[in-house]
């Protein structure tokens, strides 16, 4: 089982819809919401790293989500051993495409 803590930022005015969409995803549970900034702390439970990364991709694809990044990761038991990041788990977008909004740098 893998656990990951993910910081999600909802698009302005769409926080409640984002929370509902996130709750509908398998293994995803919202734990904290900052009403003023639209930040949502999400915990995701997955069977392995591949499932965990796929779950993060699904969170990023939620229409009401402006940004989502994994900030914590715990591996309890994963039978796969990796020498590096498998190609199918690497980001498909360049890092510049996911620029951090200025207000998150405060």
PDB file of N, CA and C in Angstrom:
ATOM      1  N   UNK A   1       0.831  -1.171   0.000  1.00  0.00           N
ATOM      2  CA  UNK A   1       0.000   0.000   0.000  1.00  0.00           C
ATOM      3  C   UNK A   1       0.881   1.242   0.000  1.00  0.00           C
ATOM      4  N   UNK A   2       0.521   2.198  -0.822  1.00  0.00           N
ATOM      5  CA  UNK A   2       1.218   3.470  -0.884  1.00  0.00           C
ATOM      6  C   UNK A   2       0.270   4.573  -0.455  1.00  0.00           C
ATOM      7  N   UNK A   3       0.787   5.504   0.302  1.00  0.00           N
ATOM      8  CA  UNK A   3       0.023   6.677   0.691  1.00  0.00           C
ATOM      9  C   UNK A   3       0.737   7.900   0.162  1.00  0.00           C
ATOM     10  N   UNK A   4      -0.031   8.851  -0.343  1.00  0.00           N
ATOM     11  CA  UNK A   4       0.575  10.095  -0.796  1.00  0.00           C
ATOM     12  C   UNK A   4      -0.266  11.266  -0.332  1.00  0.00           C
ATOM     13  N   UNK A   5       0.424  12.318   0.080  1.00  0.00           N
ATOM     14  CA  UNK A   5      -0.211  13.583   0.425  1.00  0.00           C
ATOM     15  C   UNK A   5      -0.084  14.494  -0.779  1.00  0.00           C
ATOM     16  N   UNK A   6      -1.194  15.044  -1.222  1.00  0.00           N
ATOM     17  CA  UNK A   6      -1.209  15.849  -2.444  1.00  0.00           C
ATOM     18  C   UNK A   6      -1.831  17.201  -2.137  1.00  0.00           C
ATOM     19  N   UNK A   7      -1.140  18.263  -2.525  1.00  0.00           N
ATOM     20  CA  UNK A   7      -1.685  19.609  -2.409  1.00  0.00           C
ATOM     21  C   UNK A   7      -2.411  19.920  -3.707  1.00  0.00           C
ATOM     22  N   UNK A   8      -3.687  20.226  -3.580  1.00  0.00           N
ATOM     23  CA  UNK A   8      -4.520  20.547  -4.739  1.00  0.00           C
ATOM     24  C   UNK A   8      -4.956  22.004  -4.604  1.00  0.00           C
ATOM     25  N   UNK A   9      -4.912  22.740  -5.700  1.00  0.00           N
ATOM     26  CA  UNK A   9      -5.427  24.106  -5.713  1.00  0.00           C
ATOM     27  C   UNK A   9      -6.586  24.135  -6.700  1.00  0.00           C
ATOM     28  N   UNK A  10      -7.772  24.481  -6.174  1.00  0.00           N
ATOM     29  CA  UNK A  10      -8.962  24.549  -7.018  1.00  0.00           C
ATOM     30  C   UNK A  10      -8.983  25.870  -7.774  1.00  0.00           C
ATOM     31  N   UNK A  11      -9.588  25.849  -8.952  1.00  0.00           N
ATOM     32  CA  UNK A  11      -9.765  27.083  -9.713  1.00  0.00           C
ATOM     33  C   UNK A  11     -10.678  28.013  -8.930  1.00  0.00           C
ATOM     34  N   UNK A  12     -10.459  29.321  -9.034  1.00  0.00           N
ATOM     35  CA  UNK A  12     -11.281  30.271  -8.279  1.00  0.00           C
ATOM     36  C   UNK A  12     -12.778  30.045  -8.512  1.00  0.00           C
ATOM     37  N   UNK A  13     -13.525  29.990  -7.401  1.00  0.00           N
ATOM     38  CA  UNK A  13     -14.964  29.817  -7.464  1.00  0.00           C
ATOM     39  C   UNK A  13     -15.435  28.393  -7.665  1.00  0.00           C
ATOM     40  N   UNK A  14     -14.510  27.443  -7.821  1.00  0.00           N
ATOM     41  CA  UNK A  14     -14.890  26.056  -8.100  1.00  0.00           C
ATOM     42  C   UNK A  14     -14.444  25.090  -6.999  1.00  0.00           C
ATOM     43  N   UNK A  15     -14.145  25.615  -5.818  1.00  0.00           N
ATOM     44  CA  UNK A  15     -13.631  24.790  -4.721  1.00  0.00           C
ATOM     45  C   UNK A  15     -14.582  23.652  -4.362  1.00  0.00           C
ATOM     46  N   UNK A  16     -15.871  23.968  -4.162  1.00  0.00           N
ATOM     47  CA  UNK A  16     -16.824  22.927  -3.748  1.00  0.00           C
ATOM     48  C   UNK A  16     -16.974  21.839  -4.802  1.00  0.00           C
ATOM     49  N   UNK A  17     -17.015  22.234  -6.075  1.00  0.00           N
ATOM     50  CA  UNK A  17     -17.116  21.251  -7.148  1.00  0.00           C
ATOM     51  C   UNK A  17     -15.843  20.398  -7.213  1.00  0.00           C
ATOM     52  N   UNK A  18     -14.691  21.021  -6.975  1.00  0.00           N
ATOM     53  CA  UNK A  18     -13.429  20.279  -6.981  1.00  0.00           C
ATOM     54  C   UNK A  18     -13.429  19.232  -5.874  1.00  0.00           C
ATOM     55  N   UNK A  19     -13.911  19.612  -4.686  1.00  0.00           N
ATOM     56  CA  UNK A  19     -13.960  18.675  -3.563  1.00  0.00           C
ATOM     57  C   UNK A  19     -14.842  17.478  -3.909  1.00  0.00           C
ATOM     58  N   UNK A  20     -15.988  17.734  -4.532  1.00  0.00           N
ATOM     59  CA  UNK A  20     -16.884  16.647  -4.919  1.00  0.00           C
ATOM     60  C   UNK A  20     -16.243  15.736  -5.969  1.00  0.00           C
ATOM     61  N   UNK A  21     -15.597  16.337  -6.962  1.00  0.00           N
ATOM     62  CA  UNK A  21     -14.946  15.546  -8.012  1.00  0.00           C
ATOM     63  C   UNK A  21     -13.811  14.702  -7.446  1.00  0.00           C
ATOM     64  N   UNK A  22     -13.033  15.274  -6.540  1.00  0.00           N
ATOM     65  CA  UNK A  22     -11.926  14.540  -5.932  1.00  0.00           C
ATOM     66  C   UNK A  22     -12.437  13.373  -5.090  1.00  0.00           C
ATOM     67  N   UNK A  23     -13.514  13.598  -4.353  1.00  0.00           N
ATOM     68  CA  UNK A  23     -14.081  12.543  -3.504  1.00  0.00           C
ATOM     69  C   UNK A  23     -14.598  11.363  -4.326  1.00  0.00           C
ATOM     70  N   UNK A  24     -14.931  11.605  -5.593  1.00  0.00           N
ATOM     71  CA  UNK A  24     -15.434  10.538  -6.460  1.00  0.00           C
ATOM     72  C   UNK A  24     -14.315   9.641  -6.999  1.00  0.00           C
ATOM     73  N   UNK A  25     -13.060  10.071  -6.877  1.00  0.00           N
ATOM     74  CA  UNK A  25     -11.933   9.276  -7.373  1.00  0.00           C
ATOM     75  C   UNK A  25     -11.609   8.158  -6.386  1.00  0.00           C
ATOM     76  N   UNK A  26     -11.249   6.973  -6.884  1.00  0.00           N
ATOM     77  CA  UNK A  26     -10.942   5.848  -5.989  1.00  0.00           C
ATOM     78  C   UNK A  26      -9.694   6.112  -5.145  1.00  0.00           C
ATOM     79  N   UNK A  27      -9.806   5.850  -3.850  1.00  0.00           N
ATOM     80  CA  UNK A  27      -8.664   5.975  -2.952  1.00  0.00           C
ATOM     81  C   UNK A  27      -8.312   7.390  -2.556  1.00  0.00           C
ATOM     82  N   UNK A  28      -9.120   8.382  -2.946  1.00  0.00           N
ATOM     83  CA  UNK A  28      -8.811   9.790  -2.683  1.00  0.00           C
ATOM     84  C   UNK A  28      -9.745  10.317  -1.599  1.00  0.00           C
ATOM     85  N   UNK A  29      -9.149  11.009  -0.629  1.00  0.00           N
ATOM     86  CA  UNK A  29      -9.936  11.578   0.462  1.00  0.00           C
ATOM     87  C   UNK A  29      -9.397  12.962   0.812  1.00  0.00           C
ATOM     88  N   UNK A  30     -10.280  13.957   0.835  1.00  0.00           N
ATOM     89  CA  UNK A  30      -9.892  15.307   1.223  1.00  0.00           C
ATOM     90  C   UNK A  30      -9.835  15.420   2.729  1.00  0.00           C
ATOM     91  N   UNK A  31      -8.793  16.096   3.252  1.00  0.00           N
ATOM     92  CA  UNK A  31      -8.631  16.202   4.705  1.00  0.00           C
ATOM     93  C   UNK A  31      -8.648  17.621   5.222  1.00  0.00           C
ATOM     94  N   UNK A  32      -8.261  18.572   4.422  1.00  0.00           N
ATOM     95  CA  UNK A  32      -8.196  19.958   4.876  1.00  0.00           C
ATOM     96  C   UNK A  32      -8.483  20.874   3.703  1.00  0.00           C
ATOM     97  N   UNK A  33      -9.262  21.916   3.943  1.00  0.00           N
ATOM     98  CA  UNK A  33      -9.582  22.890   2.898  1.00  0.00           C
ATOM     99  C   UNK A  33      -9.310  24.282   3.439  1.00  0.00           C
ATOM    100  N   UNK A  34      -8.568  25.070   2.689  1.00  0.00           N
ATOM    101  CA  UNK A  34      -8.361  26.480   3.021  1.00  0.00           C
ATOM    102  C   UNK A  34      -9.338  27.278   2.176  1.00  0.00           C
ATOM    103  N   UNK A  35     -10.380  27.766   2.808  1.00  0.00           N
ATOM    104  CA  UNK A  35     -11.459  28.463   2.106  1.00  0.00           C
ATOM    105  C   UNK A  35     -10.933  29.667   1.315  1.00  0.00           C
ATOM    106  N   UNK A  36     -10.010  30.412   1.882  1.00  0.00           N
ATOM    107  CA  UNK A  36      -9.536  31.652   1.265  1.00  0.00           C
ATOM    108  C   UNK A  36      -8.708  31.422   0.002  1.00  0.00           C
ATOM    109  N   UNK A  37      -7.893  30.366  -0.001  1.00  0.00           N
ATOM    110  CA  UNK A  37      -6.979  30.154  -1.127  1.00  0.00           C
ATOM    111  C   UNK A  37      -7.416  29.056  -2.086  1.00  0.00           C
ATOM    112  N   UNK A  38      -8.401  28.246  -1.679  1.00  0.00           N
ATOM    113  CA  UNK A  38      -8.826  27.129  -2.519  1.00  0.00           C
ATOM    114  C   UNK A  38      -7.888  25.948  -2.451  1.00  0.00           C
ATOM    115  N   UNK A  39      -6.975  25.957  -1.498  1.00  0.00           N
ATOM    116  CA  UNK A  39      -6.045  24.834  -1.326  1.00  0.00           C
ATOM    117  C   UNK A  39      -6.755  23.685  -0.616  1.00  0.00           C
ATOM    118  N   UNK A  40      -6.505  22.484  -1.102  1.00  0.00           N
ATOM    119  CA  UNK A  40      -7.112  21.285  -0.544  1.00  0.00           C
ATOM    120  C   UNK A  40      -6.006  20.268  -0.298  1.00  0.00           C
ATOM    121  N   UNK A  41      -5.936  19.726   0.900  1.00  0.00           N
ATOM    122  CA  UNK A  41      -4.972  18.671   1.201  1.00  0.00           C
ATOM    123  C   UNK A  41      -5.696  17.346   1.011  1.00  0.00           C
ATOM    124  N   UNK A  42      -5.155  16.519   0.130  1.00  0.00           N
ATOM    125  CA  UNK A  42      -5.758  15.244  -0.233  1.00  0.00           C
ATOM    126  C   UNK A  42      -4.804  14.120   0.137  1.00  0.00           C
ATOM    127  N   UNK A  43      -5.357  13.032   0.636  1.00  0.00           N
ATOM    128  CA  UNK A  43      -4.572  11.813   0.857  1.00  0.00           C
ATOM    129  C   UNK A  43      -5.088  10.771  -0.114  1.00  0.00           C
ATOM    130  N   UNK A  44      -4.147  10.124  -0.785  1.00  0.00           N
ATOM    131  CA  UNK A  44      -4.494   9.085  -1.750  1.00  0.00           C
ATOM    132  C   UNK A  44      -3.881   7.763  -1.301  1.00  0.00           C
ATOM    133  N   UNK A  45      -4.658   6.712  -1.353  1.00  0.00           N
ATOM    134  CA  UNK A  45      -4.171   5.370  -1.052  1.00  0.00           C
ATOM    135  C   UNK A  45      -4.169   4.575  -2.347  1.00  0.00           C
ATOM    136  N   UNK A  46      -3.050   3.900  -2.636  1.00  0.00           N
ATOM    137  CA  UNK A  46      -2.930   3.120  -3.870  1.00  0.00           C
ATOM    138  C   UNK A  46      -2.175   1.828  -3.573  1.00  0.00           C
ATOM    139  N   UNK A  47      -2.359   0.852  -4.450  1.00  0.00           N
ATOM    140  CA  UNK A  47      -1.718  -0.451  -4.250  1.00  0.00           C
ATOM    141  C   UNK A  47      -0.220  -0.426  -4.508  1.00  0.00           C
ATOM    142  N   UNK A  48       0.218   0.374  -5.489  1.00  0.00           N
ATOM    143  CA  UNK A  48       1.628   0.412  -5.854  1.00  0.00           C
ATOM    144  C   UNK A  48       1.959   1.771  -6.468  1.00  0.00           C
ATOM    145  N   UNK A  49       3.213   1.954  -6.822  1.00  0.00           N
ATOM    146  CA  UNK A  49       3.655   3.242  -7.351  1.00  0.00           C
ATOM    147  C   UNK A  49       2.947   3.586  -8.651  1.00  0.00           C
ATOM    148  N   UNK A  50       2.783   2.616  -9.526  1.00  0.00           N
ATOM    149  CA  UNK A  50       2.100   2.887 -10.795  1.00  0.00           C
ATOM    150  C   UNK A  50       0.668   3.385 -10.553  1.00  0.00           C
ATOM    151  N   UNK A  51      -0.047   2.734  -9.648  1.00  0.00           N
ATOM    152  CA  UNK A  51      -1.409   3.156  -9.322  1.00  0.00           C
ATOM    153  C   UNK A  51      -1.410   4.534  -8.675  1.00  0.00           C
ATOM    154  N   UNK A  52      -0.420   4.782  -7.853  1.00  0.00           N
ATOM    155  CA  UNK A  52      -0.300   6.081  -7.188  1.00  0.00           C
ATOM    156  C   UNK A  52      -0.093   7.204  -8.207  1.00  0.00           C
ATOM    157  N   UNK A  53       0.786   6.979  -9.161  1.00  0.00           N
ATOM    158  CA  UNK A  53       1.046   7.999 -10.184  1.00  0.00           C
ATOM    159  C   UNK A  53      -0.165   8.182 -11.101  1.00  0.00           C
ATOM    160  N   UNK A  54      -0.858   7.107 -11.404  1.00  0.00           N
ATOM    161  CA  UNK A  54      -2.069   7.213 -12.217  1.00  0.00           C
ATOM    162  C   UNK A  54      -3.135   8.003 -11.462  1.00  0.00           C
ATOM    163  N   UNK A  55      -3.241   7.785 -10.165  1.00  0.00           N
ATOM    164  CA  UNK A  55      -4.180   8.548  -9.355  1.00  0.00           C
ATOM    165  C   UNK A  55      -3.848  10.032  -9.358  1.00  0.00           C
ATOM    166  N   UNK A  56      -2.562  10.364  -9.285  1.00  0.00           N
ATOM    167  CA  UNK A  56      -2.149  11.770  -9.343  1.00  0.00           C
ATOM    168  C   UNK A  56      -2.522  12.371 -10.693  1.00  0.00           C
ATOM    169  N   UNK A  57      -2.322  11.618 -11.761  1.00  0.00           N
ATOM    170  CA  UNK A  57      -2.722  12.108 -13.095  1.00  0.00           C
ATOM    171  C   UNK A  57      -4.228  12.366 -13.153  1.00  0.00           C
ATOM    172  N   UNK A  58      -5.018  11.483 -12.544  1.00  0.00           N
ATOM    173  CA  UNK A  58      -6.471  11.671 -12.536  1.00  0.00           C
ATOM    174  C   UNK A  58      -6.858  12.916 -11.743  1.00  0.00           C
ATOM    175  N   UNK A  59      -6.172  13.151 -10.635  1.00  0.00           N
ATOM    176  CA  UNK A  59      -6.440  14.359  -9.840  1.00  0.00           C
ATOM    177  C   UNK A  59      -6.113  15.602 -10.661  1.00  0.00           C
ATOM    178  N   UNK A  60      -4.973  15.593 -11.342  1.00  0.00           N
ATOM    179  CA  UNK A  60      -4.581  16.742 -12.165  1.00  0.00           C
ATOM    180  C   UNK A  60      -5.563  16.978 -13.310  1.00  0.00           C
ATOM    181  N   UNK A  61      -6.248  15.919 -13.742  1.00  0.00           N
ATOM    182  CA  UNK A  61      -7.181  16.030 -14.871  1.00  0.00           C
ATOM    183  C   UNK A  61      -8.574  16.501 -14.457  1.00  0.00           C
ATOM    184  N   UNK A  62      -8.848  16.606 -13.164  1.00  0.00           N
ATOM    185  CA  UNK A  62     -10.157  17.089 -12.714  1.00  0.00           C
ATOM    186  C   UNK A  62     -10.332  18.515 -13.237  1.00  0.00           C
ATOM    187  N   UNK A  63     -11.437  18.806 -13.947  1.00  0.00           N
ATOM    188  CA  UNK A  63     -11.615  20.115 -14.582  1.00  0.00           C
ATOM    189  C   UNK A  63     -11.536  21.311 -13.626  1.00  0.00           C
ATOM    190  N   UNK A  64     -11.916  21.126 -12.378  1.00  0.00           N
ATOM    191  CA  UNK A  64     -11.914  22.245 -11.428  1.00  0.00           C
ATOM    192  C   UNK A  64     -10.559  22.439 -10.741  1.00  0.00           C
ATOM    193  N   UNK A  65      -9.591  21.594 -11.062  1.00  0.00           N
ATOM    194  CA  UNK A  65      -8.272  21.651 -10.422  1.00  0.00           C
ATOM    195  C   UNK A  65      -7.320  22.496 -11.263  1.00  0.00           C
ATOM    196  N   UNK A  66      -6.725  23.498 -10.606  1.00  0.00           N
ATOM    197  CA  UNK A  66      -5.745  24.345 -11.268  1.00  0.00           C
ATOM    198  C   UNK A  66      -4.349  23.723 -11.168  1.00  0.00           C
ATOM    199  N   UNK A  67      -4.062  23.103 -10.011  1.00  0.00           N
ATOM    200  CA  UNK A  67      -2.743  22.532  -9.791  1.00  0.00           C
ATOM    201  C   UNK A  67      -2.848  21.402  -8.769  1.00  0.00           C
ATOM    202  N   UNK A  68      -2.059  20.370  -8.936  1.00  0.00           N
ATOM    203  CA  UNK A  68      -1.979  19.288  -7.957  1.00  0.00           C
ATOM    204  C   UNK A  68      -0.565  18.728  -7.986  1.00  0.00           C
ATOM    205  N   UNK A  69       0.059  18.661  -6.807  1.00  0.00           N
ATOM    206  CA  UNK A  69       1.412  18.128  -6.713  1.00  0.00           C
ATOM    207  C   UNK A  69       1.546  17.269  -5.465  1.00  0.00           C
ATOM    208  N   UNK A  70       2.237  16.153  -5.621  1.00  0.00           N
ATOM    209  CA  UNK A  70       2.491  15.264  -4.496  1.00  0.00           C
ATOM    210  C   UNK A  70       3.549  15.906  -3.598  1.00  0.00           C
ATOM    211  N   UNK A  71       3.255  16.003  -2.309  1.00  0.00           N
ATOM    212  CA  UNK A  71       4.201  16.599  -1.373  1.00  0.00           C
ATOM    213  C   UNK A  71       4.678  15.593  -0.322  1.00  0.00           C
ATOM    214  N   UNK A  72       4.044  14.432  -0.284  1.00  0.00           N
ATOM    215  CA  UNK A  72       4.432  13.393   0.666  1.00  0.00           C
ATOM    216  C   UNK A  72       4.160  12.043   0.029  1.00  0.00           C
ATOM    217  N   UNK A  73       5.045  11.091   0.323  1.00  0.00           N
ATOM    218  CA  UNK A  73       4.908   9.764  -0.267  1.00  0.00           C
ATOM    219  C   UNK A  73       5.395   8.723   0.736  1.00  0.00           C
ATOM    220  N   UNK A  74       4.612   7.674   0.926  1.00  0.00           N
ATOM    221  CA  UNK A  74       4.987   6.593   1.830  1.00  0.00           C
ATOM    222  C   UNK A  74       4.718   5.264   1.141  1.00  0.00           C
ATOM    223  N   UNK A  75       5.720   4.413   1.128  1.00  0.00           N
ATOM    224  CA  UNK A  75       5.572   3.082   0.548  1.00  0.00           C
ATOM    225  C   UNK A  75       5.551   2.074   1.686  1.00  0.00           C
ATOM    226  N   UNK A  76       4.436   1.408   1.860  1.00  0.00           N
ATOM    227  CA  UNK A  76       4.355   0.367   2.887  1.00  0.00           C
ATOM    228  C   UNK A  76       4.807  -0.972   2.323  1.00  0.00           C
ATOM    229  N   UNK A  77       4.391  -1.257   1.084  1.00  0.00           N
ATOM    230  CA  UNK A  77       4.750  -2.530   0.471  1.00  0.00           C
ATOM    231  C   UNK A  77       4.545  -2.416  -1.029  1.00  0.00           C
ATOM    232  N   UNK A  78       5.630  -2.475  -1.766  1.00  0.00           N
ATOM    233  CA  UNK A  78       5.557  -2.443  -3.223  1.00  0.00           C
ATOM    234  C   UNK A  78       6.593  -3.436  -3.725  1.00  0.00           C
ATOM    235  N   UNK A  79       6.150  -4.448  -4.437  1.00  0.00           N
ATOM    236  CA  UNK A  79       7.051  -5.525  -4.872  1.00  0.00           C
ATOM    237  C   UNK A  79       7.994  -5.107  -5.991  1.00  0.00           C
ATOM    238  N   UNK A  80       7.621  -4.067  -6.741  1.00  0.00           N
ATOM    239  CA  UNK A  80       8.485  -3.612  -7.824  1.00  0.00           C
ATOM    240  C   UNK A  80       9.650  -2.796  -7.271  1.00  0.00           C
ATOM    241  N   UNK A  81      10.836  -3.054  -7.786  1.00  0.00           N
ATOM    242  CA  UNK A  81      12.026  -2.293  -7.430  1.00  0.00           C
ATOM    243  C   UNK A  81      12.450  -1.529  -8.678  1.00  0.00           C
ATOM    244  N   UNK A  82      12.692  -0.251  -8.532  1.00  0.00           N
ATOM    245  CA  UNK A  82      13.018   0.589  -9.686  1.00  0.00           C
ATOM    246  C   UNK A  82      14.423   1.148  -9.545  1.00  0.00           C
ATOM    247  N   UNK A  83      15.171   1.088 -10.633  1.00  0.00           N
ATOM    248  CA  UNK A  83      16.494   1.701 -10.670  1.00  0.00           C
ATOM    249  C   UNK A  83      16.379   3.181 -11.008  1.00  0.00           C
ATOM    250  N   UNK A  84      15.303   3.551 -11.620  1.00  0.00           N
ATOM    251  CA  UNK A  84      15.027   4.932 -12.001  1.00  0.00           C
ATOM    252  C   UNK A  84      13.541   5.046 -12.245  1.00  0.00           C
ATOM    253  N   UNK A  85      13.106   6.184 -12.688  1.00  0.00           N
ATOM    254  CA  UNK A  85      11.685   6.367 -12.951  1.00  0.00           C
ATOM    255  C   UNK A  85      11.340   5.664 -14.263  1.00  0.00           C
ATOM    256  N   UNK A  86      10.416   4.701 -14.236  1.00  0.00           N
ATOM    257  CA  UNK A  86      10.015   4.038 -15.477  1.00  0.00           C
ATOM    258  C   UNK A  86       9.442   5.054 -16.459  1.00  0.00           C
ATOM    259  N   UNK A  87       9.687   4.893 -17.749  1.00  0.00           N
ATOM    260  CA  UNK A  87       9.247   5.879 -18.741  1.00  0.00           C
ATOM    261  C   UNK A  87       7.752   6.185 -18.671  1.00  0.00           C
ATOM    262  N   UNK A  88       6.929   5.191 -18.366  1.00  0.00           N
ATOM    263  CA  UNK A  88       5.486   5.442 -18.337  1.00  0.00           C
ATOM    264  C   UNK A  88       5.062   6.278 -17.135  1.00  0.00           C
ATOM    265  N   UNK A  89       5.959   6.460 -16.150  1.00  0.00           N
ATOM    266  CA  UNK A  89       5.632   7.277 -14.987  1.00  0.00           C
ATOM    267  C   UNK A  89       6.192   8.687 -15.069  1.00  0.00           C
ATOM    268  N   UNK A  90       7.009   8.950 -16.063  1.00  0.00           N
ATOM    269  CA  UNK A  90       7.589  10.276 -16.191  1.00  0.00           C
ATOM    270  C   UNK A  90       6.542  11.261 -16.676  1.00  0.00           C
ATOM    271  N   UNK A  91       6.689  12.506 -16.244  1.00  0.00           N
ATOM    272  CA  UNK A  91       5.771  13.562 -16.649  1.00  0.00           C
ATOM    273  C   UNK A  91       5.820  13.714 -18.167  1.00  0.00           C
ATOM    274  N   UNK A  92       4.658  13.965 -18.741  1.00  0.00           N
ATOM    275  CA  UNK A  92       4.590  14.164 -20.186  1.00  0.00           C
ATOM    276  C   UNK A  92       4.688  15.631 -20.558  1.00  0.00           C
ATOM    277  N   UNK A  93       4.481  16.521 -19.587  1.00  0.00           N
ATOM    278  CA  UNK A  93       4.568  17.950 -19.845  1.00  0.00           C
ATOM    279  C   UNK A  93       5.889  18.470 -19.302  1.00  0.00           C
ATOM    280  N   UNK A  94       6.469  19.481 -19.965  1.00  0.00           N
ATOM    281  CA  UNK A  94       7.675  20.082 -19.401  1.00  0.00           C
ATOM    282  C   UNK A  94       7.332  20.804 -18.098  1.00  0.00           C
ATOM    283  N   UNK A  95       8.289  20.911 -17.216  1.00  0.00           N
ATOM    284  CA  UNK A  95       8.069  21.535 -15.911  1.00  0.00           C
ATOM    285  C   UNK A  95       7.544  22.960 -16.035  1.00  0.00           C
ATOM    286  N   UNK A  96       7.928  23.670 -17.073  1.00  0.00           N
ATOM    287  CA  UNK A  96       7.485  25.057 -17.251  1.00  0.00           C
ATOM    288  C   UNK A  96       5.965  25.136 -17.410  1.00  0.00           C
ATOM    289  N   UNK A  97       5.339  24.069 -17.887  1.00  0.00           N
ATOM    290  CA  UNK A  97       3.888  24.072 -18.106  1.00  0.00           C
ATOM    291  C   UNK A  97       3.123  24.064 -16.794  1.00  0.00           C
ATOM    292  N   UNK A  98       3.791  23.726 -15.709  1.00  0.00           N
ATOM    293  CA  UNK A  98       3.147  23.640 -14.395  1.00  0.00           C
ATOM    294  C   UNK A  98       3.728  24.682 -13.454  1.00  0.00           C
ATOM    295  N   UNK A  99       3.849  25.902 -13.918  1.00  0.00           N
ATOM    296  CA  UNK A  99       4.417  26.959 -13.097  1.00  0.00           C
ATOM    297  C   UNK A  99       3.585  27.151 -11.835  1.00  0.00           C
ATOM    298  N   UNK A 100       4.255  27.414 -10.739  1.00  0.00           N
ATOM    299  CA  UNK A 100       3.586  27.636  -9.467  1.00  0.00           C
ATOM    300  C   UNK A 100       2.991  29.039  -9.468  1.00  0.00           C
ATOM    301  N   UNK A 101       1.690  29.142  -9.173  1.00  0.00           N
ATOM    302  CA  UNK A 101       1.066  30.465  -9.106  1.00  0.00           C
ATOM    303  C   UNK A 101       1.776  31.331  -8.053  1.00  0.00           C
ATOM    304  N   UNK A 102       1.875  32.617  -8.307  1.00  0.00           N
ATOM    305  CA  UNK A 102       2.617  33.532  -7.430  1.00  0.00           C
ATOM    306  C   UNK A 102       2.123  33.494  -5.994  1.00  0.00           C
ATOM    307  N   UNK A 103       0.811  33.368  -5.787  1.00  0.00           N
ATOM    308  CA  UNK A 103       0.293  33.414  -4.425  1.00  0.00           C
ATOM    309  C   UNK A 103       0.692  32.196  -3.593  1.00  0.00           C
ATOM    310  N   UNK A 104       1.158  31.122  -4.232  1.00  0.00           N
ATOM    311  CA  UNK A 104       1.623  29.958  -3.468  1.00  0.00           C
ATOM    312  C   UNK A 104       3.047  30.161  -2.945  1.00  0.00           C
ATOM    313  N   UNK A 105       3.726  31.154  -3.446  1.00  0.00           N
ATOM    314  CA  UNK A 105       5.089  31.429  -3.003  1.00  0.00           C
ATOM    315  C   UNK A 105       5.138  32.290  -1.743  1.00  0.00           C
ATOM    316  N   UNK A 106       3.977  32.692  -1.232  1.00  0.00           N
ATOM    317  CA  UNK A 106       3.921  33.527  -0.018  1.00  0.00           C
ATOM    318  C   UNK A 106       4.286  32.748   1.214  1.00  0.00           C
TER     319      UNK A 106
END
